[in-house]
Amino acid sequence: LLVGAGLLARSYATLSRVDPGFRAAGPVVVSVRFPWAEDTASAL
């Protein structure tokens, strides 16, 4: 898990002029990484 705040805000310093279509500041992201599933049972 990797947790981060304001992950999109820095990339959108000019958002006062442009609507990105999503919430640009505030979301927290959790990254979940797995080995690639080689079969259906692993994927499930």
ModelCIF file with pLDDT and N, C-alpha, C, O atoms, coordinates in Angstrom:
data_MODEL
#
_entry.id   MODEL 
#
_entity.id                         1 
_entity.type                       polymer 
_entity.pdbx_number_of_molecules   1 
#
_entity_poly.entity_id                      1 
_entity_poly.type                           'polypeptide(L)' 
_entity_poly.nstd_linkage                   no 
_entity_poly.nstd_monomer                   no 
_entity_poly.pdbx_seq_one_letter_code       LLVGAGLLARSYATLSRVDPGFRAAGPVVVSVRFPWAEDTASAL 
_entity_poly.pdbx_seq_one_letter_code_can   LLVGAGLLARSYATLSRVDPGFRAAGPVVVSVRFPWAEDTASAL 
_entity_poly.pdbx_strand_id                 A 
#
loop_
_entity_poly_seq.entity_id 
_entity_poly_seq.num 
_entity_poly_seq.mon_id 
_entity_poly_seq.hetero 
1 1  LEU n 
1 2  LEU n 
1 3  VAL n 
1 4  GLY n 
1 5  ALA n 
1 6  GLY n 
1 7  LEU n 
1 8  LEU n 
1 9  ALA n 
1 10 ARG n 
1 11 SER n 
1 12 TYR n 
1 13 ALA n 
1 14 THR n 
1 15 LEU n 
1 16 SER n 
1 17 ARG n 
1 18 VAL n 
1 19 ASP n 
1 20 PRO n 
1 21 GLY n 
1 22 PHE n 
1 23 ARG n 
1 24 ALA n 
1 25 ALA n 
1 26 GLY n 
1 27 PRO n 
1 28 VAL n 
1 29 VAL n 
1 30 VAL n 
1 31 SER n 
1 32 VAL n 
1 33 ARG n 
1 34 PHE n 
1 35 PRO n 
1 36 TRP n 
1 37 ALA n 
1 38 GLU n 
1 39 ASP n 
1 40 THR n 
1 41 ALA n 
1 42 SER n 
1 43 ALA n 
1 44 LEU n 
#
_struct_asym.id          A 
_struct_asym.entity_id   1 
#
loop_
_ma_qa_metric.id 
_ma_qa_metric.mode 
_ma_qa_metric.name 
_ma_qa_metric.software_group_id 
_ma_qa_metric.type 
1 global pLDDT . pLDDT 
2 local  pLDDT . pLDDT 
#
_ma_qa_metric_global.metric_id      1 
_ma_qa_metric_global.metric_value   63.23 
_ma_qa_metric_global.model_id       1 
_ma_qa_metric_global.ordinal_id     1 
#
loop_
_ma_qa_metric_local.label_asym_id 
_ma_qa_metric_local.label_comp_id 
_ma_qa_metric_local.label_seq_id 
_ma_qa_metric_local.metric_id 
_ma_qa_metric_local.metric_value 
_ma_qa_metric_local.model_id 
_ma_qa_metric_local.ordinal_id 
A LEU 1  2 45.00 1 1  
A LEU 2  2 46.00 1 2  
A VAL 3  2 47.00 1 3  
A GLY 4  2 44.00 1 4  
A ALA 5  2 40.00 1 5  
A GLY 6  2 45.00 1 6  
A LEU 7  2 45.00 1 7  
A LEU 8  2 48.00 1 8  
A ALA 9  2 47.00 1 9  
A ARG 10 2 48.00 1 10 
A SER 11 2 47.00 1 11 
A TYR 12 2 45.00 1 12 
A ALA 13 2 45.00 1 13 
A THR 14 2 49.00 1 14 
A LEU 15 2 50.00 1 15 
A SER 16 2 50.00 1 16 
A ARG 17 2 62.00 1 17 
A VAL 18 2 67.00 1 18 
A ASP 19 2 72.00 1 19 
A PRO 20 2 70.00 1 20 
A GLY 21 2 75.00 1 21 
A PHE 22 2 73.00 1 22 
A ARG 23 2 66.00 1 23 
A ALA 24 2 58.00 1 24 
A ALA 25 2 60.00 1 25 
A GLY 26 2 61.00 1 26 
A PRO 27 2 70.00 1 27 
A VAL 28 2 79.00 1 28 
A VAL 29 2 80.00 1 29 
A VAL 30 2 77.00 1 30 
A SER 31 2 77.00 1 31 
A VAL 32 2 75.00 1 32 
A ARG 33 2 75.00 1 33 
A PHE 34 2 75.00 1 34 
A PRO 35 2 74.00 1 35 
A TRP 36 2 75.00 1 36 
A ALA 37 2 74.00 1 37 
A GLU 38 2 75.00 1 38 
A ASP 39 2 77.00 1 39 
A THR 40 2 75.00 1 40 
A ALA 41 2 80.00 1 41 
A SER 42 2 80.00 1 42 
A ALA 43 2 79.00 1 43 
A LEU 44 2 80.00 1 44 
#
loop_
_atom_site.group_PDB 
_atom_site.id 
_atom_site.type_symbol 
_atom_site.label_atom_id 
_atom_site.label_alt_id 
_atom_site.label_comp_id 
_atom_site.label_asym_id 
_atom_site.label_entity_id 
_atom_site.label_seq_id 
_atom_site.pdbx_PDB_ins_code 
_atom_site.Cartn_x 
_atom_site.Cartn_y 
_atom_site.Cartn_z 
_atom_site.occupancy 
_atom_site.B_iso_or_equiv 
_atom_site.pdbx_formal_charge 
_atom_site.auth_seq_id 
_atom_site.auth_comp_id 
_atom_site.auth_asym_id 
_atom_site.auth_atom_id 
_atom_site.pdbx_PDB_model_num 
ATOM 1   N N  . LEU A 1 1  ? 0.843   -1.185  0.000   1.00 45.00 ? 1  LEU A N  1 
ATOM 2   C CA . LEU A 1 1  ? 0.000   0.000   0.000   1.00 45.00 ? 1  LEU A CA 1 
ATOM 3   C C  . LEU A 1 1  ? 0.879   1.235   0.000   1.00 45.00 ? 1  LEU A C  1 
ATOM 4   O O  . LEU A 1 1  ? 1.850   1.318   0.753   1.00 45.00 ? 1  LEU A O  1 
ATOM 5   N N  . LEU A 1 2  ? 0.539   2.184   -0.838  1.00 46.00 ? 2  LEU A N  1 
ATOM 6   C CA . LEU A 1 2  ? 1.188   3.484   -0.812  1.00 46.00 ? 2  LEU A CA 1 
ATOM 7   C C  . LEU A 1 2  ? 0.085   4.520   -0.691  1.00 46.00 ? 2  LEU A C  1 
ATOM 8   O O  . LEU A 1 2  ? -0.797  4.595   -1.547  1.00 46.00 ? 2  LEU A O  1 
ATOM 9   N N  . VAL A 1 3  ? 0.127   5.326   0.374   1.00 47.00 ? 3  VAL A N  1 
ATOM 10  C CA . VAL A 1 3  ? -0.935  6.289   0.614   1.00 47.00 ? 3  VAL A CA 1 
ATOM 11  C C  . VAL A 1 3  ? -0.394  7.686   0.405   1.00 47.00 ? 3  VAL A C  1 
ATOM 12  O O  . VAL A 1 3  ? 0.645   8.040   0.963   1.00 47.00 ? 3  VAL A O  1 
ATOM 13  N N  . GLY A 1 4  ? -1.091  8.492   -0.397  1.00 44.00 ? 4  GLY A N  1 
ATOM 14  C CA . GLY A 1 4  ? -0.632  9.848   -0.670  1.00 44.00 ? 4  GLY A CA 1 
ATOM 15  C C  . GLY A 1 4  ? -1.774  10.833  -0.674  1.00 44.00 ? 4  GLY A C  1 
ATOM 16  O O  . GLY A 1 4  ? -2.885  10.491  -1.078  1.00 44.00 ? 4  GLY A O  1 
ATOM 17  N N  . ALA A 1 5  ? -1.521  12.056  -0.229  1.00 40.00 ? 5  ALA A N  1 
ATOM 18  C CA . ALA A 1 5  ? -2.558  13.087  -0.203  1.00 40.00 ? 5  ALA A CA 1 
ATOM 19  C C  . ALA A 1 5  ? -2.290  14.122  -1.272  1.00 40.00 ? 5  ALA A C  1 
ATOM 20  O O  . ALA A 1 5  ? -1.141  14.413  -1.607  1.00 40.00 ? 5  ALA A O  1 
ATOM 21  N N  . GLY A 1 6  ? -3.364  14.671  -1.801  1.00 45.00 ? 6  GLY A N  1 
ATOM 22  C CA . GLY A 1 6  ? -3.224  15.732  -2.801  1.00 45.00 ? 6  GLY A CA 1 
ATOM 23  C C  . GLY A 1 6  ? -2.447  15.274  -4.006  1.00 45.00 ? 6  GLY A C  1 
ATOM 24  O O  . GLY A 1 6  ? -1.691  16.061  -4.576  1.00 45.00 ? 6  GLY A O  1 
ATOM 25  N N  . LEU A 1 7  ? -2.605  14.006  -4.426  1.00 45.00 ? 7  LEU A N  1 
ATOM 26  C CA . LEU A 1 7  ? -1.751  13.442  -5.458  1.00 45.00 ? 7  LEU A CA 1 
ATOM 27  C C  . LEU A 1 7  ? -1.861  14.152  -6.784  1.00 45.00 ? 7  LEU A C  1 
ATOM 28  O O  . LEU A 1 7  ? -0.925  14.119  -7.582  1.00 45.00 ? 7  LEU A O  1 
ATOM 29  N N  . LEU A 1 8  ? -2.971  14.787  -7.032  1.00 48.00 ? 8  LEU A N  1 
ATOM 30  C CA . LEU A 1 8  ? -3.162  15.406  -8.336  1.00 48.00 ? 8  LEU A CA 1 
ATOM 31  C C  . LEU A 1 8  ? -2.965  16.906  -8.311  1.00 48.00 ? 8  LEU A C  1 
ATOM 32  O O  . LEU A 1 8  ? -2.885  17.535  -9.366  1.00 48.00 ? 8  LEU A O  1 
ATOM 33  N N  . ALA A 1 9  ? -2.887  17.497  -7.120  1.00 47.00 ? 9  ALA A N  1 
ATOM 34  C CA . ALA A 1 9  ? -2.888  18.948  -7.038  1.00 47.00 ? 9  ALA A CA 1 
ATOM 35  C C  . ALA A 1 9  ? -1.656  19.577  -7.680  1.00 47.00 ? 9  ALA A C  1 
ATOM 36  O O  . ALA A 1 9  ? -1.766  20.599  -8.358  1.00 47.00 ? 9  ALA A O  1 
ATOM 37  N N  . ARG A 1 10 ? -0.489  18.978  -7.475  1.00 48.00 ? 10 ARG A N  1 
ATOM 38  C CA . ARG A 1 10 ? 0.737   19.589  -8.008  1.00 48.00 ? 10 ARG A CA 1 
ATOM 39  C C  . ARG A 1 10 ? 0.726   19.617  -9.533  1.00 48.00 ? 10 ARG A C  1 
ATOM 40  O O  . ARG A 1 10 ? 1.198   20.573  -10.148 1.00 48.00 ? 10 ARG A O  1 
ATOM 41  N N  . SER A 1 11 ? 0.182   18.560  -10.136 1.00 47.00 ? 11 SER A N  1 
ATOM 42  C CA . SER A 1 11 ? 0.140   18.518  -11.593 1.00 47.00 ? 11 SER A CA 1 
ATOM 43  C C  . SER A 1 11 ? -0.858  19.504  -12.171 1.00 47.00 ? 11 SER A C  1 
ATOM 44  O O  . SER A 1 11 ? -0.861  19.759  -13.376 1.00 47.00 ? 11 SER A O  1 
ATOM 45  N N  . TYR A 1 12 ? -1.704  20.059  -11.316 1.00 45.00 ? 12 TYR A N  1 
ATOM 46  C CA . TYR A 1 12 ? -2.746  20.964  -11.769 1.00 45.00 ? 12 TYR A CA 1 
ATOM 47  C C  . TYR A 1 12 ? -2.640  22.341  -11.126 1.00 45.00 ? 12 TYR A C  1 
ATOM 48  O O  . TYR A 1 12 ? -3.607  22.857  -10.566 1.00 45.00 ? 12 TYR A O  1 
ATOM 49  N N  . ALA A 1 13 ? -1.463  22.920  -11.215 1.00 45.00 ? 13 ALA A N  1 
ATOM 50  C CA . ALA A 1 13 ? -1.265  24.254  -10.665 1.00 45.00 ? 13 ALA A CA 1 
ATOM 51  C C  . ALA A 1 13 ? -2.081  25.298  -11.414 1.00 45.00 ? 13 ALA A C  1 
ATOM 52  O O  . ALA A 1 13 ? -2.368  26.366  -10.874 1.00 45.00 ? 13 ALA A O  1 
ATOM 53  N N  . THR A 1 14 ? -2.455  24.999  -12.647 1.00 49.00 ? 14 THR A N  1 
ATOM 54  C CA . THR A 1 14 ? -3.199  25.962  -13.462 1.00 49.00 ? 14 THR A CA 1 
ATOM 55  C C  . THR A 1 14 ? -4.689  25.650  -13.515 1.00 49.00 ? 14 THR A C  1 
ATOM 56  O O  . THR A 1 14 ? -5.380  26.091  -14.434 1.00 49.00 ? 14 THR A O  1 
ATOM 57  N N  . LEU A 1 15 ? -5.197  24.886  -12.532 1.00 50.00 ? 15 LEU A N  1 
ATOM 58  C CA . LEU A 1 15 ? -6.587  24.461  -12.585 1.00 50.00 ? 15 LEU A CA 1 
ATOM 59  C C  . LEU A 1 15 ? -7.585  25.601  -12.458 1.00 50.00 ? 15 LEU A C  1 
ATOM 60  O O  . LEU A 1 15 ? -8.766  25.413  -12.748 1.00 50.00 ? 15 LEU A O  1 
ATOM 61  N N  . SER A 1 16 ? -7.140  26.776  -12.031 1.00 50.00 ? 16 SER A N  1 
ATOM 62  C CA . SER A 1 16 ? -8.067  27.898  -11.964 1.00 50.00 ? 16 SER A CA 1 
ATOM 63  C C  . SER A 1 16 ? -8.589  28.256  -13.356 1.00 50.00 ? 16 SER A C  1 
ATOM 64  O O  . SER A 1 16 ? -9.630  28.901  -13.486 1.00 50.00 ? 16 SER A O  1 
ATOM 65  N N  . ARG A 1 17 ? -7.868  27.838  -14.389 1.00 62.00 ? 17 ARG A N  1 
ATOM 66  C CA . ARG A 1 17 ? -8.271  28.150  -15.755 1.00 62.00 ? 17 ARG A CA 1 
ATOM 67  C C  . ARG A 1 17 ? -8.874  26.952  -16.483 1.00 62.00 ? 17 ARG A C  1 
ATOM 68  O O  . ARG A 1 17 ? -9.552  27.131  -17.495 1.00 62.00 ? 17 ARG A O  1 
ATOM 69  N N  . VAL A 1 18 ? -8.642  25.741  -15.992 1.00 67.00 ? 18 VAL A N  1 
ATOM 70  C CA . VAL A 1 18 ? -9.052  24.540  -16.719 1.00 67.00 ? 18 VAL A CA 1 
ATOM 71  C C  . VAL A 1 18 ? -9.799  23.594  -15.771 1.00 67.00 ? 18 VAL A C  1 
ATOM 72  O O  . VAL A 1 18 ? -9.343  23.331  -14.658 1.00 67.00 ? 18 VAL A O  1 
ATOM 73  N N  . ASP A 1 19 ? -10.942 23.091  -16.222 1.00 72.00 ? 19 ASP A N  1 
ATOM 74  C CA . ASP A 1 19 ? -11.678 22.069  -15.474 1.00 72.00 ? 19 ASP A CA 1 
ATOM 75  C C  . ASP A 1 19 ? -11.186 20.700  -15.911 1.00 72.00 ? 19 ASP A C  1 
ATOM 76  O O  . ASP A 1 19 ? -11.385 20.321  -17.066 1.00 72.00 ? 19 ASP A O  1 
ATOM 77  N N  . PRO A 1 20 ? -10.541 19.938  -15.011 1.00 70.00 ? 20 PRO A N  1 
ATOM 78  C CA . PRO A 1 20 ? -10.001 18.642  -15.427 1.00 70.00 ? 20 PRO A CA 1 
ATOM 79  C C  . PRO A 1 20 ? -11.065 17.564  -15.568 1.00 70.00 ? 20 PRO A C  1 
ATOM 80  O O  . PRO A 1 20 ? -10.808 16.513  -16.155 1.00 70.00 ? 20 PRO A O  1 
ATOM 81  N N  . GLY A 1 21 ? -12.260 17.813  -15.035 1.00 75.00 ? 21 GLY A N  1 
ATOM 82  C CA . GLY A 1 21 ? -13.318 16.826  -15.116 1.00 75.00 ? 21 GLY A CA 1 
ATOM 83  C C  . GLY A 1 21 ? -13.365 15.884  -13.927 1.00 75.00 ? 21 GLY A C  1 
ATOM 84  O O  . GLY A 1 21 ? -14.198 14.979  -13.890 1.00 75.00 ? 21 GLY A O  1 
ATOM 85  N N  . PHE A 1 22 ? -12.478 16.081  -12.946 1.00 73.00 ? 22 PHE A N  1 
ATOM 86  C CA . PHE A 1 22 ? -12.456 15.237  -11.761 1.00 73.00 ? 22 PHE A CA 1 
ATOM 87  C C  . PHE A 1 22 ? -11.949 16.048  -10.582 1.00 73.00 ? 22 PHE A C  1 
ATOM 88  O O  . PHE A 1 22 ? -11.470 17.170  -10.744 1.00 73.00 ? 22 PHE A O  1 
ATOM 89  N N  . ARG A 1 23 ? -12.061 15.469  -9.398  1.00 66.00 ? 23 ARG A N  1 
ATOM 90  C CA . ARG A 1 23 ? -11.601 16.135  -8.176  1.00 66.00 ? 23 ARG A CA 1 
ATOM 91  C C  . ARG A 1 23 ? -10.081 16.132  -8.163  1.00 66.00 ? 23 ARG A C  1 
ATOM 92  O O  . ARG A 1 23 ? -9.460  15.080  -8.013  1.00 66.00 ? 23 ARG A O  1 
ATOM 93  N N  . ALA A 1 24 ? -9.474  17.320  -8.321  1.00 58.00 ? 24 ALA A N  1 
ATOM 94  C CA . ALA A 1 24 ? -8.033  17.385  -8.529  1.00 58.00 ? 24 ALA A CA 1 
ATOM 95  C C  . ALA A 1 24 ? -7.232  17.395  -7.241  1.00 58.00 ? 24 ALA A C  1 
ATOM 96  O O  . ALA A 1 24 ? -6.035  17.108  -7.269  1.00 58.00 ? 24 ALA A O  1 
ATOM 97  N N  . ALA A 1 25 ? -7.846  17.714  -6.120  1.00 60.00 ? 25 ALA A N  1 
ATOM 98  C CA . ALA A 1 25 ? -7.113  17.768  -4.854  1.00 60.00 ? 25 ALA A CA 1 
ATOM 99  C C  . ALA A 1 25 ? -7.895  16.998  -3.805  1.00 60.00 ? 25 ALA A C  1 
ATOM 100 O O  . ALA A 1 25 ? -9.124  17.043  -3.771  1.00 60.00 ? 25 ALA A O  1 
ATOM 101 N N  . GLY A 1 26 ? -7.175  16.297  -2.958  1.00 61.00 ? 26 GLY A N  1 
ATOM 102 C CA . GLY A 1 26 ? -7.823  15.643  -1.845  1.00 61.00 ? 26 GLY A CA 1 
ATOM 103 C C  . GLY A 1 26 ? -7.871  14.126  -1.892  1.00 61.00 ? 26 GLY A C  1 
ATOM 104 O O  . GLY A 1 26 ? -7.784  13.511  -0.830  1.00 61.00 ? 26 GLY A O  1 
ATOM 105 N N  . PRO A 1 27 ? -8.004  13.466  -3.058  1.00 70.00 ? 27 PRO A N  1 
ATOM 106 C CA . PRO A 1 27 ? -8.082  12.004  -3.022  1.00 70.00 ? 27 PRO A CA 1 
ATOM 107 C C  . PRO A 1 27 ? -6.809  11.375  -2.457  1.00 70.00 ? 27 PRO A C  1 
ATOM 108 O O  . PRO A 1 27 ? -5.706  11.893  -2.633  1.00 70.00 ? 27 PRO A O  1 
ATOM 109 N N  . VAL A 1 28 ? -6.990  10.269  -1.787  1.00 79.00 ? 28 VAL A N  1 
ATOM 110 C CA . VAL A 1 28 ? -5.893  9.457   -1.283  1.00 79.00 ? 28 VAL A CA 1 
ATOM 111 C C  . VAL A 1 28 ? -5.841  8.198   -2.140  1.00 79.00 ? 28 VAL A C  1 
ATOM 112 O O  . VAL A 1 28 ? -6.880  7.623   -2.463  1.00 79.00 ? 28 VAL A O  1 
ATOM 113 N N  . VAL A 1 29 ? -4.645  7.772   -2.506  1.00 80.00 ? 29 VAL A N  1 
ATOM 114 C CA . VAL A 1 29 ? -4.498  6.598   -3.369  1.00 80.00 ? 29 VAL A CA 1 
ATOM 115 C C  . VAL A 1 29 ? -3.778  5.484   -2.620  1.00 80.00 ? 29 VAL A C  1 
ATOM 116 O O  . VAL A 1 29 ? -2.760  5.718   -1.969  1.00 80.00 ? 29 VAL A O  1 
ATOM 117 N N  . VAL A 1 30 ? -4.312  4.282   -2.718  1.00 77.00 ? 30 VAL A N  1 
ATOM 118 C CA . VAL A 1 30 ? -3.673  3.085   -2.188  1.00 77.00 ? 30 VAL A CA 1 
ATOM 119 C C  . VAL A 1 30 ? -3.310  2.218   -3.386  1.00 77.00 ? 30 VAL A C  1 
ATOM 120 O O  . VAL A 1 30 ? -4.183  1.820   -4.157  1.00 77.00 ? 30 VAL A O  1 
ATOM 121 N N  . SER A 1 31 ? -2.046  1.931   -3.540  1.00 77.00 ? 31 SER A N  1 
ATOM 122 C CA . SER A 1 31 ? -1.581  1.128   -4.671  1.00 77.00 ? 31 SER A CA 1 
ATOM 123 C C  . SER A 1 31 ? -1.397  -0.314  -4.223  1.00 77.00 ? 31 SER A C  1 
ATOM 124 O O  . SER A 1 31 ? -0.631  -0.593  -3.300  1.00 77.00 ? 31 SER A O  1 
ATOM 125 N N  . VAL A 1 32 ? -2.104  -1.230  -4.882  1.00 75.00 ? 32 VAL A N  1 
ATOM 126 C CA . VAL A 1 32 ? -2.030  -2.654  -4.559  1.00 75.00 ? 32 VAL A CA 1 
ATOM 127 C C  . VAL A 1 32 ? -1.404  -3.371  -5.739  1.00 75.00 ? 32 VAL A C  1 
ATOM 128 O O  . VAL A 1 32 ? -1.970  -3.377  -6.832  1.00 75.00 ? 32 VAL A O  1 
ATOM 129 N N  . ARG A 1 33 ? -0.247  -3.972  -5.533  1.00 75.00 ? 33 ARG A N  1 
ATOM 130 C CA . ARG A 1 33 ? 0.470   -4.624  -6.629  1.00 75.00 ? 33 ARG A CA 1 
ATOM 131 C C  . ARG A 1 33 ? 0.550   -6.129  -6.398  1.00 75.00 ? 33 ARG A C  1 
ATOM 132 O O  . ARG A 1 33 ? 0.877   -6.587  -5.303  1.00 75.00 ? 33 ARG A O  1 
ATOM 133 N N  . PHE A 1 34 ? 0.249   -6.881  -7.439  1.00 75.00 ? 34 PHE A N  1 
ATOM 134 C CA . PHE A 1 34 ? 0.308   -8.329  -7.401  1.00 75.00 ? 34 PHE A CA 1 
ATOM 135 C C  . PHE A 1 34 ? 1.250   -8.847  -8.481  1.00 75.00 ? 34 PHE A C  1 
ATOM 136 O O  . PHE A 1 34 ? 1.514   -8.149  -9.459  1.00 75.00 ? 34 PHE A O  1 
ATOM 137 N N  . PRO A 1 35 ? 1.757   -10.066 -8.313  1.00 74.00 ? 35 PRO A N  1 
ATOM 138 C CA . PRO A 1 35 ? 2.374   -10.731 -9.460  1.00 74.00 ? 35 PRO A CA 1 
ATOM 139 C C  . PRO A 1 35 ? 1.285   -10.947 -10.517 1.00 74.00 ? 35 PRO A C  1 
ATOM 140 O O  . PRO A 1 35 ? 0.108   -11.048 -10.173 1.00 74.00 ? 35 PRO A O  1 
ATOM 141 N N  . TRP A 1 36 ? 1.661   -11.017 -11.784 1.00 75.00 ? 36 TRP A N  1 
ATOM 142 C CA . TRP A 1 36 ? 0.673   -11.211 -12.843 1.00 75.00 ? 36 TRP A CA 1 
ATOM 143 C C  . TRP A 1 36 ? -0.012  -12.566 -12.679 1.00 75.00 ? 36 TRP A C  1 
ATOM 144 O O  . TRP A 1 36 ? 0.656   -13.580 -12.478 1.00 75.00 ? 36 TRP A O  1 
ATOM 145 N N  . ALA A 1 37 ? -1.342  -12.583 -12.765 1.00 74.00 ? 37 ALA A N  1 
ATOM 146 C CA . ALA A 1 37 ? -2.105  -13.827 -12.623 1.00 74.00 ? 37 ALA A CA 1 
ATOM 147 C C  . ALA A 1 37 ? -1.915  -14.699 -13.853 1.00 74.00 ? 37 ALA A C  1 
ATOM 148 O O  . ALA A 1 37 ? -2.224  -14.282 -14.970 1.00 74.00 ? 37 ALA A O  1 
ATOM 149 N N  . GLU A 1 38 ? -1.413  -15.893 -13.652 1.00 75.00 ? 38 GLU A N  1 
ATOM 150 C CA . GLU A 1 38 ? -1.141  -16.784 -14.779 1.00 75.00 ? 38 GLU A CA 1 
ATOM 151 C C  . GLU A 1 38 ? -2.324  -17.686 -15.122 1.00 75.00 ? 38 GLU A C  1 
ATOM 152 O O  . GLU A 1 38 ? -2.340  -18.302 -16.187 1.00 75.00 ? 38 GLU A O  1 
ATOM 153 N N  . ASP A 1 39 ? -3.316  -17.771 -14.231 1.00 77.00 ? 39 ASP A N  1 
ATOM 154 C CA . ASP A 1 39 ? -4.460  -18.641 -14.481 1.00 77.00 ? 39 ASP A CA 1 
ATOM 155 C C  . ASP A 1 39 ? -5.696  -18.050 -13.817 1.00 77.00 ? 39 ASP A C  1 
ATOM 156 O O  . ASP A 1 39 ? -5.618  -17.087 -13.056 1.00 77.00 ? 39 ASP A O  1 
ATOM 157 N N  . THR A 1 40 ? -6.842  -18.657 -14.130 1.00 75.00 ? 40 THR A N  1 
ATOM 158 C CA . THR A 1 40 ? -8.114  -18.145 -13.622 1.00 75.00 ? 40 THR A CA 1 
ATOM 159 C C  . THR A 1 40 ? -8.189  -18.196 -12.105 1.00 75.00 ? 40 THR A C  1 
ATOM 160 O O  . THR A 1 40 ? -8.694  -17.268 -11.474 1.00 75.00 ? 40 THR A O  1 
ATOM 161 N N  . ALA A 1 41 ? -7.685  -19.287 -11.513 1.00 80.00 ? 41 ALA A N  1 
ATOM 162 C CA . ALA A 1 41 ? -7.745  -19.415 -10.055 1.00 80.00 ? 41 ALA A CA 1 
ATOM 163 C C  . ALA A 1 41 ? -6.955  -18.296 -9.367  1.00 80.00 ? 41 ALA A C  1 
ATOM 164 O O  . ALA A 1 41 ? -7.410  -17.729 -8.373  1.00 80.00 ? 41 ALA A O  1 
ATOM 165 N N  . SER A 1 42 ? -5.776  -17.986 -9.901  1.00 80.00 ? 42 SER A N  1 
ATOM 166 C CA . SER A 1 42 ? -4.972  -16.897 -9.328  1.00 80.00 ? 42 SER A CA 1 
ATOM 167 C C  . SER A 1 42 ? -5.676  -15.559 -9.490  1.00 80.00 ? 42 SER A C  1 
ATOM 168 O O  . SER A 1 42 ? -5.656  -14.725 -8.585  1.00 80.00 ? 42 SER A O  1 
ATOM 169 N N  . ALA A 1 43 ? -6.303  -15.356 -10.652 1.00 79.00 ? 43 ALA A N  1 
ATOM 170 C CA . ALA A 1 43 ? -7.016  -14.097 -10.891 1.00 79.00 ? 43 ALA A CA 1 
ATOM 171 C C  . ALA A 1 43 ? -8.167  -13.937 -9.919  1.00 79.00 ? 43 ALA A C  1 
ATOM 172 O O  . ALA A 1 43 ? -8.393  -12.842 -9.404  1.00 79.00 ? 43 ALA A O  1 
ATOM 173 N N  . LEU A 1 44 ? -8.906  -15.020 -9.658  1.00 80.00 ? 44 LEU A N  1 
ATOM 174 C CA . LEU A 1 44 ? -10.028 -14.936 -8.728  1.00 80.00 ? 44 LEU A CA 1 
ATOM 175 C C  . LEU A 1 44 ? -9.557  -14.646 -7.314  1.00 80.00 ? 44 LEU A C  1 
ATOM 176 O O  . LEU A 1 44 ? -10.375 -14.542 -6.400  1.00 80.00 ? 44 LEU A O  1 
#
